[in-house]
Structures are given as C-alpha cells and as structure tokens.
Amino acid sequence: MSSPAVQAKNEPASVNGSSQNVSGIRVSGGPGGAPTLHRRIIVIGAGFGGLGMAIRLLQKGERDFLVLEKASDVGGTWRDNTYPGCQCDVASNMYSYSFAPNPNWSRSFAMQGEIWQYLRDCADRFGVRELIRFDTELLSARWNEETQRWHIETNKGPMTADVIVSGHGGLSAPSVPELPGLERFEGTVFHSAAWNHEHDLSGERVAVVGTGASSIQIVPNIQPRVRELHLFQRTPPWVVPRLDYVRSEAKKAVFRSLPFLQKLDRMQIYLARELIVLAMRGNTKVRGLIQRVAEKHLERQVPEPVLRKKLTPTYEIGCKRILISNDYYPALTQPNVKVVTQGIARVTERGVVTTDGLEHELDTIVLATGFKVTNHPIASALIGRDGRSLAEHWATGAVAYLGTTVTEFPNLFLLTGPYTGIGHNSIVYMLEAQFEYVLGALAALKEQNAAAVNVRPEAMRAFEDEMQRELQGTAWNSGCASWYLDANGRNTSVWPTFTWRFRNRTKTFDSAAHAFEPRRAVAGRTAGAKTASLVA
C-alpha cells in the first residue's frame, strides 16, 4: 500500500485501519478504518498546570504528547479573568515557575495582564506552542479495558492516549448562582470571569453579587465611575493590607545579574507564608495576631461603626481564604456605595428584591460568585473502567491519592486535584510537586513495561482518612461556609499542613500504593504496529 497523501499539517490522512505515522503524527486505525490520532500523553489545559506539565515533559525528553486547550491561547484563568483590577494575591516571585524565574516583574504582586504575558512567554521560550491544539475542547474521555487506552472525544474529533494529565484548573468553571428570576432582568448581566468590556458602567446603577477575591478587586475599580454601587454581601471576608510596591529598575537589574538573590527572595516569601500554617493548625496566639492585624485594618479604614459592624466577620480568620486589599474598605465608605446584607429573594425586570421586601433598581448585575471548585464539570467528562464518571465516584466526596490518582481511573493524573488547594501559599509550588510525581509515574510505567497504573483502593482510602484527621481542629475546618467545602459540607479542597510536606511526599512516585497492569496484545494498538514517535 502506498503512503496516503498528507491532508494538512497536524491532521491525519486516511488509512485503512492500520497504524501509520503521517507527517510526524501517529495515527491508529479507528472504527470502520477511520483514522484516530494517538499520543502517549494528552495534557488537558494550557494554564499554569497544563503548560508547566508540558514544559517538564519536554525537559525530560518526552515529545509524544499533545496539549488540548479549548481557548485560542495559553493562560488559563489569567487569560480569562480580565475584570478591572484583577491582580494576584501571592507575590510574583513565588507565583511563578521555579524553573522560569522572571526578574522583570513590574511590582511585587503582578496584575493579570503581566501574569498572562509571563505564561505566553514561557510557552514560546520552552517551545511548547507547537504541541498545543488550540480551540480544542475535551468533551469526554473513556478508559477502554480492551485497548488499555483513553478514548477521547473533542470538538475537533476523536483521539486516543495511553495517559491523560488533567490540568483543567480549579478556577476555570465560573459558578453562576441560581437567583430566581435572573433571566427576566432587562439590564445587563455577566460573571466576573467573563467581563463584558463592551458594556460601559459609567453612570449606571450596578450590583456586585459576592465578596470574594474577585469582588474586592472589582469594587474599588468601578466605584468611581458608577452612579450607584450595590454590594450584595452574604458573609464578609477577613481582609489584611496588601504590601505591594512597584519594583525599581535597579532591583530588576540586580535580579537579572545575580539570579541567586531572586531565589533568596522567593525563599523568604515562601517561608513567611508557611508560618501562616501555624495559625491555621491551632496556634491561637499566631492566629490571634493575624486577626488583630485584620481588625485594625478594618477599624482604620472604616471609622463609621454601623458599616464597620456589617463588614466584621463572625467566623474564625482562616475559615475562608484571607483576602488582601488596601482600597476595598475605602471604596465601601463612599456615598454612592451601599452594602446590602439581606439575602436576595428574587430578581425582577428592574433589579433585585431582597428578603426584607426592598427592591434595588439596577442597570447591571455583576456576578462575582467564584468558581466550581469541588464540582468541576470535567469530572462528568472522565469515565473510568467501571463505566462511571469521576463525578459519580465523587458523589459522596472528592478524593485522589496525593491529589493526583484515582482508583478505577488508570493512567489518569489530576493536577490541583482534591486536597491540593492551599489557603496560605502559592498553588504553583504544589503544581511543581505534582509535575515531578507524574514524571515519576511515567518513568515507572516504562521501567515496569506496563500498560497502565492505578492507585490501590486501600491506599486512596487511607489517604482520605489521613487528610480528614489532619483537618480536624484547623481554621480551614472551623464551620463557616466556604469554597473549601463540597455539597456535603466536607472539606475536600485544602492540603491541611505545610506545603513542603506535600513536596516530600511527591518527590518520588509511590509505586507501592499503585498496581501496575501488564500490556495485552490487542489488534489496533500502536504497540503492535510500526509507528514513529512525534517528530516536531
């Protein structure tokens, strides 16, 4: 049989059921002889998680992979969240890859645009873009026992993979509250993660629903130009000062010429943030000190006692994520701002009616209501060997061994999975630990000449029990309603101790906690046909 013609770069040509390599692309026979693209590894998402994983794979010499990105560029949450004032609440030197330091950060806490550009620069610098399929959304992925592969459906067609690494990101699926009558509102409605830049808020009556990390940045940035700002608050956050500053050109030059000083700065930031764990895990003196800082911050910026009482939390500091801002409280003291603490009863054509019967007439409603962290939609798209989705497995609570592997889901590795969220330090630190754990798993698969690896159920249950024990008595588990908790009221989000312990646990792949499955001879598997690895 002669070689089929190449239809287009990175597109498989038609083959009659056999596995071939066309223009550097591995193709396996699909149903009825249709071609199916195959890779050893498929990475989902090109945010901090997926992009970093791709970079580390390349650094280890692995090129037989693709990154599926549903958008047209890299960046994840830092590409999507473009609301006014969007800024990271972890210092830039810590909120970046350790293998890609940036000496040119413009300030100690970078703004959204600069972080997005950093990720775009990393994609170019490490040569990852050519391995990313943009505008390609995963619709479903099902483990096939016969082929010992993941069979994947995307909006661009099917493919298969030996391994899936999901870098879907915890802050990628906006959470829209079920407000009765919202569809009847005649004004403009949008979520903070999908900011409508075409809509001018100047002179409008605007509602901001929610008081989380996005809201406290949006409010001071839109307050000066709106006619009225109605902040609908369910529970107030604890807020501490943001120690932000513009980085001088001299300091940038020092970091460029003496990179070890930037590493030292990163280490100082890391250690200072790790001290917060002492407060969260029961040291009442340290926790009280942090709370007094927050109380003094509120007292200093909101002198009016009635408003200050509205803004004073009644739960332990740390139960929800501690927020940082220097301009949130001052914005709330302005005459065009009203803090509404009554619950929302319904939405009408003209505005919002609260539980006290008062109607707040509005032109625009901004939903600053966060993300689906514990019920991410991707869990419904991943189907395990028993035919059940990850969402079904997690109906009583999400769990993954070391936040990464799940029983009944062979060769699936989650980035920022259950129990990897942190309320005190940089998630990038946790991600880098997971990158190494996944690389260790891939190496173990090769060493064992195995087709699949899956965490043993007893190991996963033991890990879950350990996490729940560790959470007892911590501020993170002290009883308030927060995004840390799932629908059952269980905290399945937070790593409940020092992050260096997580890195120690993930330094080497825990083969004893996993079962390796030998390869089986199956018709149509790439292993049984003459194929070539991806050639860039």
Protein backbone atom coordinates (compact mmCIF):
# COMPACT_ATOMS: atom_id res chain seq x y z
CA MET A 1 0.00 0.00 0.00
CA SER A 2 1.38 3.39 -0.91
CA SER A 3 1.63 6.16 1.64
CA PRO A 4 -1.54 8.27 1.88
CA ALA A 5 -1.37 11.90 0.91
CA VAL A 6 -0.89 14.41 3.69
CA GLN A 7 -4.11 16.43 4.02
CA ALA A 8 -2.78 19.18 6.26
CA LYS A 9 -0.09 19.74 8.83
CA ASN A 10 -1.02 18.02 12.12
CA GLU A 11 -4.08 16.36 10.50
CA PRO A 12 -4.10 12.57 9.99
CA ALA A 13 -4.63 11.29 6.45
CA SER A 14 -6.98 8.41 5.72
CA VAL A 15 -5.59 4.92 6.37
CA ASN A 16 -7.34 1.58 6.12
CA GLY A 17 -7.42 0.53 9.73
CA SER A 18 -3.67 0.29 10.23
CA SER A 19 -1.37 2.35 12.40
CA GLN A 20 0.91 4.66 10.48
CA ASN A 21 3.00 7.75 11.00
CA VAL A 22 1.96 10.57 8.70
CA SER A 23 3.92 13.82 8.72
CA GLY A 24 5.17 13.04 12.20
CA ILE A 25 1.67 12.33 13.54
CA ARG A 26 0.92 8.90 14.98
CA VAL A 27 -2.36 7.53 13.60
CA SER A 28 -4.14 4.36 14.72
CA GLY A 29 -6.96 2.58 12.97
CA GLY A 30 -10.38 3.62 14.23
CA PRO A 31 -13.85 2.15 13.76
CA GLY A 32 -14.54 1.21 10.17
CA GLY A 33 -10.98 2.04 9.17
CA ALA A 34 -11.31 5.73 10.09
CA PRO A 35 -8.10 7.29 11.38
CA THR A 36 -7.71 8.09 15.06
CA LEU A 37 -4.94 10.33 16.30
CA HIS A 38 -2.91 8.71 19.10
CA ARG A 39 -0.44 10.10 21.60
CA ARG A 40 1.29 8.55 24.55
CA ILE A 41 0.17 11.51 26.68
CA ILE A 42 -2.66 14.03 26.37
CA VAL A 43 -2.48 17.07 28.65
CA ILE A 44 -5.75 18.93 29.21
CA GLY A 45 -5.48 22.70 29.53
CA ALA A 46 -2.71 25.26 28.99
CA GLY A 47 -2.85 27.27 32.20
CA PHE A 48 -0.21 27.12 34.93
CA GLY A 49 -0.83 23.39 35.39
CA GLY A 50 -1.02 22.07 31.84
CA LEU A 51 1.63 24.42 30.47
CA GLY A 52 4.06 23.62 33.26
CA MET A 53 3.49 19.89 32.79
CA ALA A 54 4.20 20.22 29.08
CA ILE A 55 7.42 22.11 29.76
CA ARG A 56 8.64 19.47 32.21
CA LEU A 57 7.79 16.68 29.75
CA LEU A 58 9.90 18.40 27.10
CA GLN A 59 12.72 18.93 29.57
CA LYS A 60 12.68 15.17 30.23
CA GLY A 61 12.92 14.41 26.50
CA GLU A 62 9.28 13.38 26.06
CA ARG A 63 7.74 14.59 22.80
CA ASP A 64 4.95 12.07 22.24
CA PHE A 65 2.22 14.28 23.69
CA LEU A 66 -0.28 16.98 22.87
CA VAL A 67 -1.90 19.69 24.97
CA LEU A 68 -5.60 20.25 24.36
CA GLU A 69 -6.63 23.86 25.01
CA LYS A 70 -10.24 24.92 24.49
CA ALA A 71 -9.29 28.59 24.00
CA SER A 72 -7.15 30.21 21.31
CA ASP A 73 -4.19 30.99 23.59
CA VAL A 74 -2.44 29.76 26.73
CA GLY A 75 -3.01 31.31 30.14
CA GLY A 76 -5.96 29.60 31.81
CA THR A 77 -7.60 31.73 34.48
CA TRP A 78 -5.13 34.56 33.82
CA ARG A 79 -6.27 34.69 30.20
CA ASP A 80 -9.98 34.55 31.04
CA ASN A 81 -10.26 36.86 34.05
CA THR A 82 -9.86 40.37 32.70
CA TYR A 83 -12.07 42.27 35.13
CA PRO A 84 -10.90 45.71 36.33
CA GLY A 85 -8.20 45.44 38.98
CA CYS A 86 -7.50 41.71 38.53
CA GLN A 87 -4.33 41.02 40.49
CA CYS A 88 -2.66 38.01 42.12
CA ASP A 89 -2.73 37.74 45.91
CA VAL A 90 0.57 35.84 46.05
CA ALA A 91 3.83 37.70 45.45
CA SER A 92 5.11 37.41 41.88
CA ASN A 93 8.43 35.82 42.76
CA MET A 94 6.52 32.96 44.39
CA TYR A 95 3.64 32.82 41.93
CA SER A 96 5.79 31.68 39.01
CA TYR A 97 7.68 28.58 37.94
CA SER A 98 10.90 27.93 39.84
CA PHE A 99 12.44 26.78 36.55
CA ALA A 100 11.41 30.02 34.80
CA PRO A 101 12.08 32.95 37.13
CA ASN A 102 11.15 36.38 35.85
CA PRO A 103 13.48 39.14 37.07
CA ASN A 104 11.37 41.77 35.31
CA TRP A 105 8.15 41.66 37.33
CA SER A 106 6.92 45.24 37.44
CA ARG A 107 5.60 45.01 41.01
CA SER A 108 5.61 42.70 43.99
CA PHE A 109 2.07 41.47 43.21
CA ALA A 110 1.61 41.24 39.46
CA MET A 111 -1.54 42.29 37.63
CA GLN A 112 -3.49 39.89 35.41
CA GLY A 113 -2.06 41.08 32.11
CA GLU A 114 1.53 40.66 33.24
CA ILE A 115 0.94 37.13 34.54
CA TRP A 116 -0.78 36.16 31.30
CA GLN A 117 2.16 37.55 29.31
CA TYR A 118 4.55 35.58 31.53
CA LEU A 119 2.74 32.34 30.64
CA ARG A 120 2.73 33.24 26.95
CA ASP A 121 6.45 33.94 27.12
CA CYS A 122 7.04 30.57 28.83
CA ALA A 123 5.13 28.79 26.05
CA ASP A 124 7.40 30.43 23.46
CA ARG A 125 10.63 30.17 25.42
CA PHE A 126 10.28 26.42 26.03
CA GLY A 127 8.87 25.57 22.58
CA VAL A 128 5.53 24.28 23.78
CA ARG A 129 3.18 26.06 21.36
CA GLU A 130 3.79 23.62 18.52
CA LEU A 131 2.47 20.84 20.76
CA ILE A 132 -0.73 22.63 21.74
CA ARG A 133 -4.01 22.10 19.91
CA PHE A 134 -5.85 25.38 20.44
CA ASP A 135 -9.64 25.73 20.17
CA THR A 136 -9.88 22.03 21.04
CA GLU A 137 -12.23 21.17 23.87
CA LEU A 138 -12.38 17.80 25.57
CA LEU A 139 -15.95 16.50 25.51
CA SER A 140 -15.36 13.11 27.09
CA ALA A 141 -12.62 10.63 27.84
CA ARG A 142 -13.40 6.97 28.50
CA TRP A 143 -10.97 4.28 29.62
CA ASN A 144 -11.13 1.24 27.32
CA GLU A 145 -10.16 -2.00 29.02
CA GLU A 146 -9.60 -3.85 25.76
CA THR A 147 -7.15 -1.37 24.25
CA GLN A 148 -5.82 -0.17 27.63
CA ARG A 149 -6.14 3.39 26.43
CA TRP A 150 -8.17 6.51 26.93
CA HIS A 151 -10.63 7.05 24.09
CA ILE A 152 -11.16 10.78 23.82
CA GLU A 153 -13.83 12.85 22.11
CA THR A 154 -13.18 16.51 21.33
CA ASN A 155 -14.97 19.18 19.32
CA LYS A 156 -12.30 18.55 16.65
CA GLY A 157 -12.76 14.78 16.51
CA PRO A 158 -11.65 11.63 18.35
CA MET A 159 -8.22 10.59 19.55
CA THR A 160 -6.67 8.07 21.92
CA ALA A 161 -3.98 8.29 24.56
CA ASP A 162 -2.14 5.97 26.90
CA VAL A 163 -2.11 8.65 29.61
CA ILE A 164 -4.17 11.73 30.45
CA VAL A 165 -2.85 14.55 32.63
CA SER A 166 -5.67 16.91 33.50
CA GLY A 167 -4.59 20.49 34.09
CA HIS A 168 -8.18 21.76 33.96
CA GLY A 169 -7.61 24.22 36.82
CA GLY A 170 -9.79 24.87 39.85
CA LEU A 171 -10.63 28.42 38.74
CA SER A 172 -11.79 27.71 35.21
CA ALA A 173 -15.53 26.95 35.53
CA PRO A 174 -17.49 30.02 36.73
CA SER A 175 -20.17 29.39 39.33
CA VAL A 176 -23.44 31.14 38.47
CA PRO A 177 -25.88 31.29 41.39
CA GLU A 178 -29.48 30.19 40.94
CA LEU A 179 -31.21 33.50 41.53
CA PRO A 180 -34.97 33.28 40.93
CA GLY A 181 -35.98 35.50 38.04
CA LEU A 182 -32.46 36.29 36.83
CA GLU A 183 -33.47 35.53 33.25
CA ARG A 184 -36.18 38.23 33.50
CA PHE A 185 -33.78 41.06 34.26
CA GLU A 186 -33.90 43.63 31.46
CA GLY A 187 -30.47 45.08 32.16
CA THR A 188 -27.03 43.57 31.59
CA VAL A 189 -25.74 40.51 33.48
CA PHE A 190 -22.28 38.95 33.34
CA HIS A 191 -19.91 36.93 35.50
CA SER A 192 -16.66 38.48 36.68
CA ALA A 193 -14.74 35.72 34.85
CA ALA A 194 -16.37 36.79 31.55
CA TRP A 195 -16.17 40.56 31.90
CA ASN A 196 -18.15 42.47 29.30
CA HIS A 197 -15.68 45.13 28.17
CA GLU A 198 -18.13 46.36 25.53
CA HIS A 199 -20.53 47.49 28.25
CA ASP A 200 -19.80 50.89 29.81
CA LEU A 201 -20.68 51.07 33.51
CA SER A 202 -20.28 54.83 33.69
CA GLY A 203 -23.26 56.49 35.37
CA GLU A 204 -25.04 53.18 35.92
CA ARG A 205 -26.66 51.56 38.94
CA VAL A 206 -24.55 48.44 39.38
CA ALA A 207 -24.89 45.41 41.64
CA VAL A 208 -21.89 43.29 42.57
CA VAL A 209 -23.00 39.95 43.98
CA GLY A 210 -20.38 38.34 46.21
CA THR A 211 -17.50 39.45 48.42
CA GLY A 212 -14.69 37.08 47.50
CA ALA A 213 -11.26 37.66 45.98
CA SER A 214 -12.60 38.97 42.65
CA SER A 215 -15.22 41.24 44.20
CA ILE A 216 -12.80 43.10 46.47
CA GLN A 217 -10.72 43.99 43.42
CA ILE A 218 -13.66 44.93 41.18
CA VAL A 219 -15.46 47.19 43.67
CA PRO A 220 -12.75 49.86 44.14
CA ASN A 221 -12.04 49.92 40.42
CA ILE A 222 -15.60 50.56 39.26
CA GLN A 223 -16.85 52.60 42.24
CA PRO A 224 -15.57 56.00 40.99
CA ARG A 225 -17.44 55.77 37.67
CA VAL A 226 -20.78 54.24 38.57
CA ARG A 227 -23.77 56.23 39.81
CA GLU A 228 -24.69 53.66 42.46
CA LEU A 229 -22.92 50.51 43.59
CA HIS A 230 -24.93 47.91 45.50
CA LEU A 231 -22.67 45.26 47.06
CA PHE A 232 -24.68 42.17 47.96
CA GLN A 233 -22.81 40.51 50.82
CA ARG A 234 -23.66 37.13 52.28
CA THR A 235 -20.68 36.92 54.61
CA PRO A 236 -17.87 39.49 54.94
CA PRO A 237 -14.28 38.39 54.35
CA TRP A 238 -11.31 38.96 56.61
CA VAL A 239 -9.08 41.46 54.81
CA VAL A 240 -5.46 42.35 55.60
CA PRO A 241 -3.23 45.02 53.97
CA ARG A 242 -1.55 44.31 50.65
CA LEU A 243 2.19 45.01 50.97
CA ASP A 244 2.58 45.92 47.33
CA TYR A 245 5.15 48.12 45.67
CA VAL A 246 6.44 48.97 42.22
CA ARG A 247 9.73 47.19 41.56
CA SER A 248 12.51 49.59 40.65
CA GLU A 249 14.64 49.19 37.53
CA ALA A 250 17.65 48.83 39.81
CA LYS A 251 16.12 45.83 41.57
CA LYS A 252 15.23 44.23 38.26
CA ALA A 253 18.82 44.68 37.12
CA VAL A 254 20.12 43.08 40.32
CA PHE A 255 17.84 40.05 39.84
CA ARG A 256 18.97 39.74 36.21
CA SER A 257 22.67 39.86 37.03
CA LEU A 258 22.52 37.97 40.35
CA PRO A 259 19.73 35.39 39.97
CA PHE A 260 20.54 33.74 43.30
CA LEU A 261 19.23 36.89 45.01
CA GLN A 262 15.86 36.39 43.34
CA LYS A 263 15.90 32.78 44.53
CA LEU A 264 16.61 34.03 48.03
CA ASP A 265 13.73 36.49 47.77
CA ARG A 266 11.46 33.65 46.66
CA MET A 267 12.55 31.53 49.61
CA GLN A 268 11.85 34.37 52.06
CA ILE A 269 8.34 34.80 50.65
CA TYR A 270 7.76 31.07 50.85
CA LEU A 271 8.89 30.73 54.46
CA ALA A 272 6.88 33.74 55.60
CA ARG A 273 3.72 32.32 54.07
CA GLU A 274 4.37 28.87 55.52
CA LEU A 275 4.29 30.40 59.00
CA ILE A 276 0.57 31.02 58.46
CA VAL A 277 0.08 27.25 58.76
CA LEU A 278 0.92 27.53 62.46
CA ALA A 279 -2.08 29.80 62.91
CA MET A 280 -4.40 27.69 60.79
CA ARG A 281 -3.49 24.47 62.61
CA GLY A 282 -4.31 25.62 66.11
CA ASN A 283 -1.70 28.06 67.37
CA THR A 284 -4.21 30.53 68.80
CA LYS A 285 -1.56 33.15 69.58
CA VAL A 286 -0.41 33.37 65.95
CA ARG A 287 -3.98 33.21 64.69
CA GLY A 288 -4.99 35.96 67.09
CA LEU A 289 -2.12 38.13 65.89
CA ILE A 290 -3.25 37.79 62.25
CA GLN A 291 -6.85 38.53 63.24
CA ARG A 292 -5.81 41.66 65.14
CA VAL A 293 -4.00 42.89 62.02
CA ALA A 294 -7.23 42.43 60.06
CA GLU A 295 -9.34 44.09 62.76
CA LYS A 296 -7.03 47.11 62.95
CA HIS A 297 -7.06 47.36 59.15
CA LEU A 298 -10.87 47.48 59.17
CA GLU A 299 -11.01 49.91 62.08
CA ARG A 300 -8.51 52.26 60.46
CA GLN A 301 -10.19 52.29 57.04
CA VAL A 302 -13.86 52.20 58.11
CA PRO A 303 -14.38 54.61 61.03
CA GLU A 304 -18.20 54.56 60.81
CA PRO A 305 -19.39 51.95 63.37
CA VAL A 306 -22.56 50.73 61.60
CA LEU A 307 -20.77 49.98 58.33
CA ARG A 308 -17.80 48.53 60.22
CA LYS A 309 -20.11 46.11 62.01
CA LYS A 310 -21.54 44.95 58.67
CA LEU A 311 -18.00 44.28 57.43
CA THR A 312 -16.81 42.42 60.55
CA PRO A 313 -16.76 38.63 60.09
CA THR A 314 -18.23 36.42 62.82
CA TYR A 315 -16.16 33.34 61.93
CA GLU A 316 -12.55 32.44 62.71
CA ILE A 317 -9.95 34.01 60.50
CA GLY A 318 -8.73 31.44 58.00
CA CYS A 319 -12.03 29.57 57.75
CA LYS A 320 -12.41 31.31 54.41
CA ARG A 321 -9.45 32.47 52.33
CA ILE A 322 -7.87 35.57 53.89
CA LEU A 323 -8.04 38.41 51.35
CA ILE A 324 -5.62 41.27 50.82
CA SER A 325 -6.52 44.80 49.76
CA ASN A 326 -5.70 48.42 50.52
CA ASP A 327 -8.59 50.00 48.61
CA TYR A 328 -11.64 47.75 49.18
CA TYR A 329 -12.73 49.23 52.50
CA PRO A 330 -12.21 52.86 51.43
CA ALA A 331 -14.39 52.26 48.37
CA LEU A 332 -17.21 50.96 50.58
CA THR A 333 -17.22 54.20 52.59
CA GLN A 334 -18.04 56.32 49.52
CA PRO A 335 -21.51 57.92 49.31
CA ASN A 336 -22.50 56.07 46.11
CA VAL A 337 -21.93 52.61 47.68
CA LYS A 338 -24.44 50.57 49.64
CA VAL A 339 -23.52 47.31 51.39
CA VAL A 340 -26.60 45.06 51.34
CA THR A 341 -26.57 42.25 53.89
CA GLN A 342 -30.11 41.00 53.35
CA GLY A 343 -30.35 37.92 51.15
CA ILE A 344 -31.53 38.07 47.54
CA ALA A 345 -35.14 36.87 47.33
CA ARG A 346 -35.59 37.27 43.58
CA VAL A 347 -34.58 39.24 40.51
CA THR A 348 -37.15 41.36 38.68
CA GLU A 349 -37.14 43.12 35.32
CA ARG A 350 -35.84 46.27 37.04
CA GLY A 351 -33.50 44.94 39.73
CA VAL A 352 -33.13 42.81 42.84
CA VAL A 353 -35.64 42.26 45.64
CA THR A 354 -34.06 41.36 48.98
CA THR A 355 -35.61 39.29 51.77
CA ASP A 356 -36.79 42.45 53.55
CA GLY A 357 -39.03 43.23 50.55
CA LEU A 358 -36.96 46.17 49.28
CA GLU A 359 -36.37 46.40 45.52
CA HIS A 360 -32.97 47.70 44.42
CA GLU A 361 -33.32 49.18 40.93
CA LEU A 362 -30.33 48.34 38.74
CA ASP A 363 -28.88 48.66 35.25
CA THR A 364 -26.21 45.96 35.51
CA ILE A 365 -25.61 42.90 37.68
CA VAL A 366 -22.04 41.61 38.05
CA LEU A 367 -21.84 38.06 39.43
CA ALA A 368 -18.59 37.88 41.38
CA THR A 369 -19.60 34.46 42.66
CA GLY A 370 -16.46 32.41 42.18
CA PHE A 371 -15.90 29.05 40.54
CA LYS A 372 -16.97 25.41 40.65
CA VAL A 373 -14.03 24.11 42.65
CA THR A 374 -15.44 20.96 44.26
CA ASN A 375 -17.85 20.15 41.40
CA HIS A 376 -15.81 20.96 38.30
CA PRO A 377 -17.59 19.94 35.05
CA ILE A 378 -14.61 17.89 33.85
CA ALA A 379 -15.46 15.26 36.47
CA SER A 380 -18.55 14.39 34.42
CA ALA A 381 -16.49 14.01 31.24
CA LEU A 382 -13.98 11.46 32.60
CA ILE A 383 -15.33 7.88 32.54
CA GLY A 384 -13.45 5.17 34.41
CA ARG A 385 -13.01 1.47 33.77
CA ASP A 386 -16.26 0.64 35.59
CA GLY A 387 -18.29 2.86 33.23
CA ARG A 388 -18.94 5.51 35.89
CA SER A 389 -17.84 9.11 35.65
CA LEU A 390 -15.47 10.76 38.07
CA ALA A 391 -18.41 12.88 39.22
CA GLU A 392 -20.32 9.72 40.13
CA HIS A 393 -17.33 8.34 42.02
CA TRP A 394 -17.09 11.63 43.89
CA ALA A 395 -20.80 11.94 44.73
CA THR A 396 -20.04 11.49 48.45
CA GLY A 397 -16.77 13.43 48.37
CA ALA A 398 -13.85 14.01 46.02
CA VAL A 399 -10.65 12.12 46.73
CA ALA A 400 -7.44 11.38 44.85
CA TYR A 401 -4.25 9.86 46.22
CA LEU A 402 -1.90 12.78 46.86
CA GLY A 403 -4.46 14.80 44.91
CA THR A 404 -3.32 13.07 41.73
CA THR A 405 -4.51 9.48 41.09
CA VAL A 406 -7.98 7.95 41.46
CA THR A 407 -9.00 4.29 41.80
CA GLU A 408 -10.78 2.93 38.68
CA PHE A 409 -9.16 5.61 36.52
CA PRO A 410 -5.92 4.06 35.19
CA ASN A 411 -3.29 6.36 33.73
CA LEU A 412 -5.21 9.46 34.79
CA PHE A 413 -3.29 12.13 36.69
CA LEU A 414 -5.05 15.19 38.11
CA LEU A 415 -3.28 18.50 38.67
CA THR A 416 -4.77 20.55 41.53
CA GLY A 417 -6.95 17.60 42.45
CA PRO A 418 -8.66 17.10 45.83
CA TYR A 419 -6.64 18.12 48.91
CA THR A 420 -4.10 20.16 46.94
CA GLY A 421 -5.72 23.59 47.35
CA ILE A 422 -3.98 25.95 49.73
CA GLY A 423 -5.16 29.00 51.58
CA HIS A 424 -1.78 30.40 52.51
CA ASN A 425 0.85 29.90 49.79
CA SER A 426 1.36 29.56 46.04
CA ILE A 427 -0.52 26.87 44.12
CA VAL A 428 2.36 26.88 41.63
CA TYR A 429 4.56 25.30 44.32
CA MET A 430 2.03 22.48 44.67
CA LEU A 431 1.78 22.08 40.90
CA GLU A 432 5.53 21.71 40.52
CA ALA A 433 5.48 18.93 43.09
CA GLN A 434 2.76 17.19 41.09
CA PHE A 435 4.73 17.57 37.85
CA GLU A 436 7.55 15.55 39.38
CA TYR A 437 5.13 12.94 40.71
CA VAL A 438 3.60 12.46 37.26
CA LEU A 439 7.05 12.22 35.67
CA GLY A 440 7.93 9.57 38.24
CA ALA A 441 4.78 7.63 37.35
CA LEU A 442 5.60 7.77 33.63
CA ALA A 443 9.12 6.54 34.32
CA ALA A 444 7.73 3.70 36.46
CA LEU A 445 5.40 2.65 33.65
CA LYS A 446 8.36 2.38 31.29
CA GLU A 447 10.52 0.55 33.82
CA GLN A 448 7.76 -1.97 34.51
CA ASN A 449 6.91 -2.23 30.78
CA ALA A 450 3.32 -1.82 31.96
CA ALA A 451 0.30 -0.62 30.05
CA ALA A 452 -1.39 1.05 32.99
CA VAL A 453 -1.01 2.09 36.59
CA ASN A 454 -3.82 2.70 39.06
CA VAL A 455 -3.85 3.61 42.73
CA ARG A 456 -4.91 0.80 45.06
CA PRO A 457 -8.30 1.50 46.70
CA GLU A 458 -6.97 0.88 50.20
CA ALA A 459 -4.18 3.43 49.64
CA MET A 460 -6.64 6.06 48.44
CA ARG A 461 -8.99 5.44 51.37
CA ALA A 462 -6.10 5.66 53.83
CA PHE A 463 -5.01 8.96 52.30
CA GLU A 464 -8.54 10.36 52.55
CA ASP A 465 -8.77 9.34 56.21
CA GLU A 466 -5.40 10.96 56.87
CA MET A 467 -6.50 14.23 55.28
CA GLN A 468 -9.73 14.37 57.27
CA ARG A 469 -7.84 13.69 60.52
CA GLU A 470 -5.35 16.44 59.69
CA LEU A 471 -8.17 18.90 59.00
CA GLN A 472 -9.80 18.40 62.39
CA GLY A 473 -9.23 21.39 64.66
CA THR A 474 -7.87 23.62 61.89
CA ALA A 475 -9.24 27.02 60.92
CA TRP A 476 -9.94 25.64 57.45
CA ASN A 477 -12.47 23.26 59.01
CA SER A 478 -13.92 25.55 61.68
CA GLY A 479 -17.52 25.64 60.48
CA CYS A 480 -18.15 28.54 58.10
CA ALA A 481 -19.44 28.16 54.54
CA SER A 482 -16.56 28.44 52.08
CA TRP A 483 -15.42 27.23 48.67
CA TYR A 484 -13.27 24.70 50.50
CA LEU A 485 -16.42 22.66 51.26
CA ASP A 486 -18.30 20.37 48.88
CA ALA A 487 -22.07 19.92 48.63
CA ASN A 488 -21.93 17.53 51.60
CA GLY A 489 -20.19 20.09 53.80
CA ARG A 490 -16.85 18.22 53.76
CA ASN A 491 -13.56 19.97 53.16
CA THR A 492 -12.02 18.08 50.26
CA SER A 493 -10.07 21.01 48.83
CA VAL A 494 -7.30 22.01 51.22
CA TRP A 495 -3.89 20.47 51.85
CA PRO A 496 -4.08 20.73 55.65
CA THR A 497 -0.46 21.23 56.61
CA PHE A 498 2.88 22.64 55.41
CA THR A 499 3.39 22.54 51.64
CA TRP A 500 6.95 21.21 51.99
CA ARG A 501 5.40 18.03 53.36
CA PHE A 502 3.46 17.63 50.14
CA ARG A 503 6.62 18.12 48.11
CA ASN A 504 8.40 15.49 50.21
CA ARG A 505 5.53 13.06 49.68
CA THR A 506 5.55 13.57 45.90
CA LYS A 507 9.31 13.66 45.38
CA THR A 508 9.26 10.04 44.22
CA PHE A 509 6.36 8.08 42.77
CA ASP A 510 4.76 5.79 45.35
CA SER A 511 4.78 2.52 43.42
CA ALA A 512 3.71 0.52 46.48
CA ALA A 513 0.40 2.42 46.58
CA HIS A 514 -0.32 1.59 42.94
CA ALA A 515 -0.96 -1.52 40.86
CA PHE A 516 0.76 -1.95 37.51
CA GLU A 517 -1.07 -3.73 34.70
CA PRO A 518 0.82 -5.67 32.01
CA ARG A 519 0.34 -4.99 28.34
CA ARG A 520 -2.04 -7.20 26.42
CA ALA A 521 -1.76 -7.95 22.70
CA VAL A 522 -4.72 -6.17 21.15
CA ALA A 523 -5.41 -5.60 17.47
CA GLY A 524 -5.16 -1.92 16.58
CA ARG A 525 -2.82 -0.95 19.41
CA THR A 526 0.05 1.22 18.27
CA ALA A 527 2.42 -1.05 20.20
CA GLY A 528 1.59 -3.84 17.75
CA ALA A 529 2.18 -1.80 14.63
CA LYS A 530 5.10 0.01 13.09
CA THR A 531 4.75 3.63 14.13
CA ALA A 532 7.01 6.54 14.84
CA SER A 533 7.01 8.91 17.76
CA LEU A 534 6.02 12.52 17.28
CA VAL A 535 8.54 14.47 15.30
CA ALA A 536 8.33 18.22 15.91
